[in-house]
Amino acid sequence: MNKGPLGLALGSDLAMGSATSAQASEESVVHPDVQYAIAAVPGGTVIDAHTVVWPELGLELSVPSPDSRAVGSCATGSYCAYAGANRSGTKLSWATCTTVSTAALSTVGSITNARSSGTVQARKGASTVLGTAGPGATVNLPGGTTNLRCLL
């Protein structure tokens, strides 16, 4: 897995909402976490310098802006994985109850369950559970998370 810069940048098409990972310009360089995610999980669409989505997977990766005051928010009805502890850093979110790979994040430091029922598990491989977040809860994790699994 290549973690090096991809040299991605966003062009004038960004203003029209049609920027993709293949477009380039000198205007705005894509954040390194977005570059990492595109390399780790091909097929994503770069929305802006801090966001990439995989519509077919129902995933979105968001890097907090340095000017952002609300770091670590997880939308109601969603599950979120964060690169840092306590809902900090780059966020991967999804709303479908399924098992998702965390390959788009270089590390997973915490998970949040912003649903009113069920749980989300951080797992290493197919069976080792590293942490479980119940409804409305956040759990900090040790290293090694490879996937997240929701249970209704």
Protein backbone atom coordinates (compact mmCIF):
# COMPACT_ATOMS: atom_id res chain seq x y z
CA MET A 1 0.00 0.00 0.00
CA ASN A 2 1.53 3.28 -1.14
CA LYS A 3 1.23 6.01 1.51
CA GLY A 4 3.18 8.63 -0.42
CA PRO A 5 1.70 11.82 -1.88
CA LEU A 6 -0.25 11.32 -5.06
CA GLY A 7 0.19 14.89 -6.18
CA LEU A 8 -3.57 15.36 -6.34
CA ALA A 9 -5.04 18.83 -6.52
CA LEU A 10 -8.43 20.30 -7.21
CA GLY A 11 -9.32 22.26 -10.33
CA SER A 12 -11.97 24.75 -11.31
CA ASP A 13 -14.47 21.90 -11.66
CA LEU A 14 -14.59 21.81 -7.85
CA ALA A 15 -16.89 24.82 -7.77
CA MET A 16 -19.33 22.86 -9.91
CA GLY A 17 -19.12 19.79 -7.64
CA SER A 18 -17.60 17.55 -10.29
CA ALA A 19 -14.00 17.19 -9.08
CA THR A 20 -12.58 13.68 -9.20
CA SER A 21 -9.37 12.07 -7.99
CA ALA A 22 -7.90 12.36 -11.47
CA GLN A 23 -8.32 16.14 -11.87
CA ALA A 24 -5.48 18.50 -11.03
CA SER A 25 -4.66 22.17 -10.65
CA GLU A 26 -2.41 24.42 -8.64
CA GLU A 27 -5.36 26.01 -6.75
CA SER A 28 -5.83 23.68 -3.75
CA VAL A 29 -3.74 20.69 -2.75
CA VAL A 30 -5.61 17.67 -1.42
CA HIS A 31 -4.97 16.87 2.26
CA PRO A 32 -2.53 13.94 2.82
CA ASP A 33 -5.26 11.91 4.59
CA VAL A 34 -7.45 12.19 1.47
CA GLN A 35 -4.48 11.13 -0.68
CA TYR A 36 -3.91 8.13 1.61
CA ALA A 37 -7.59 7.13 1.43
CA ILE A 38 -7.73 7.29 -2.37
CA ALA A 39 -4.61 5.12 -2.60
CA ALA A 40 -5.92 2.62 -0.03
CA VAL A 41 -9.51 2.40 -1.31
CA PRO A 42 -9.68 3.03 -5.07
CA GLY A 43 -12.82 4.34 -6.71
CA GLY A 44 -13.45 7.30 -4.43
CA THR A 45 -14.43 10.76 -5.62
CA VAL A 46 -12.58 13.76 -4.20
CA ILE A 47 -15.17 16.40 -3.29
CA ASP A 48 -12.78 19.04 -1.97
CA ALA A 49 -9.33 19.25 -0.37
CA HIS A 50 -10.69 17.64 2.82
CA THR A 51 -13.38 15.19 1.62
CA VAL A 52 -13.59 11.98 -0.43
CA VAL A 53 -16.67 9.80 -0.94
CA TRP A 54 -17.30 6.27 -2.18
CA PRO A 55 -21.03 6.37 -3.11
CA GLU A 56 -21.15 2.68 -4.01
CA LEU A 57 -19.80 1.82 -0.52
CA GLY A 58 -21.84 4.45 1.33
CA LEU A 59 -18.62 5.89 2.83
CA GLU A 60 -17.36 9.44 3.35
CA LEU A 61 -13.96 10.50 4.68
CA SER A 62 -13.73 14.04 6.11
CA VAL A 63 -10.58 15.75 7.34
CA PRO A 64 -11.42 18.55 9.77
CA SER A 65 -10.53 22.00 8.49
CA PRO A 66 -7.95 23.83 10.60
CA ASP A 67 -10.62 26.54 11.00
CA SER A 68 -13.32 24.09 12.12
CA ARG A 69 -14.66 24.48 15.64
CA ALA A 70 -16.79 21.30 15.69
CA VAL A 71 -14.24 18.50 15.51
CA GLY A 72 -15.52 14.96 15.69
CA SER A 73 -19.20 15.33 14.98
CA CYS A 74 -21.01 12.18 13.87
CA ALA A 75 -24.38 12.82 12.22
CA THR A 76 -27.50 11.32 13.79
CA GLY A 77 -28.19 7.88 12.33
CA SER A 78 -24.55 7.30 11.36
CA TYR A 79 -21.56 5.32 12.49
CA CYS A 80 -18.16 7.07 12.51
CA ALA A 81 -14.53 6.06 12.85
CA TYR A 82 -11.91 8.68 13.71
CA ALA A 83 -8.15 8.65 13.27
CA GLY A 84 -7.70 10.08 16.77
CA ALA A 85 -9.04 9.34 20.23
CA ASN A 86 -12.17 11.08 21.54
CA ARG A 87 -13.70 11.71 18.08
CA SER A 88 -10.74 13.71 16.79
CA GLY A 89 -8.93 13.83 13.48
CA THR A 90 -10.01 12.50 10.14
CA LYS A 91 -13.48 10.92 10.12
CA LEU A 92 -14.87 8.00 8.11
CA SER A 93 -18.68 7.78 8.27
CA TRP A 94 -21.46 5.57 6.94
CA ALA A 95 -25.14 4.98 7.66
CA THR A 96 -25.81 1.45 6.39
CA CYS A 97 -25.64 -1.38 8.92
CA THR A 98 -22.91 -3.54 7.41
CA THR A 99 -19.24 -4.45 7.86
CA VAL A 100 -16.88 -1.82 6.43
CA SER A 101 -13.12 -1.81 5.94
CA THR A 102 -11.13 0.90 7.71
CA ALA A 103 -8.44 0.86 4.98
CA ALA A 104 -9.27 4.49 4.10
CA LEU A 105 -7.93 5.59 7.51
CA SER A 106 -4.25 5.09 8.28
CA THR A 107 -5.25 4.37 11.89
CA VAL A 108 -8.47 4.19 13.93
CA GLY A 109 -8.37 5.85 17.36
CA SER A 110 -12.09 5.93 18.21
CA ILE A 111 -15.55 4.94 16.96
CA THR A 112 -18.96 6.52 17.52
CA ASN A 113 -22.47 5.10 17.22
CA ALA A 114 -24.87 8.00 16.59
CA ARG A 115 -27.88 5.70 16.25
CA SER A 116 -30.63 5.11 18.80
CA SER A 117 -30.18 1.32 18.85
CA GLY A 118 -27.69 -1.41 18.02
CA THR A 119 -23.92 -1.45 18.40
CA VAL A 120 -20.83 -0.95 16.25
CA GLN A 121 -17.76 -3.10 16.82
CA ALA A 122 -14.16 -2.25 15.94
CA ARG A 123 -12.50 -5.51 14.88
CA LYS A 124 -9.12 -6.84 13.94
CA GLY A 125 -9.75 -9.41 11.26
CA ALA A 126 -12.99 -11.36 11.22
CA SER A 127 -13.37 -12.18 14.90
CA THR A 128 -11.21 -10.15 17.33
CA VAL A 129 -13.35 -7.36 18.82
CA LEU A 130 -11.23 -4.40 19.99
CA GLY A 131 -14.11 -2.23 21.20
CA THR A 132 -17.90 -1.84 21.02
CA ALA A 133 -19.92 1.39 20.98
CA GLY A 134 -23.57 1.27 21.99
CA PRO A 135 -26.23 3.82 21.00
CA GLY A 136 -25.02 7.41 21.45
CA ALA A 137 -21.58 6.28 22.62
CA THR A 138 -17.94 6.76 21.64
CA VAL A 139 -15.16 4.27 22.41
CA ASN A 140 -11.40 4.87 22.20
CA LEU A 141 -9.45 2.00 20.64
CA PRO A 142 -6.03 0.41 20.71
CA GLY A 143 -4.28 0.11 17.35
CA GLY A 144 -5.02 -2.63 14.85
CA THR A 145 -8.61 -2.00 13.75
CA THR A 146 -9.16 -3.39 10.25
CA ASN A 147 -12.96 -3.29 9.98
CA LEU A 148 -16.12 -2.09 11.68
CA ARG A 149 -19.25 -4.17 12.07
CA CYS A 150 -22.72 -3.00 13.00
CA LEU A 151 -25.14 -5.23 14.90
CA LEU A 152 -28.82 -4.31 15.14
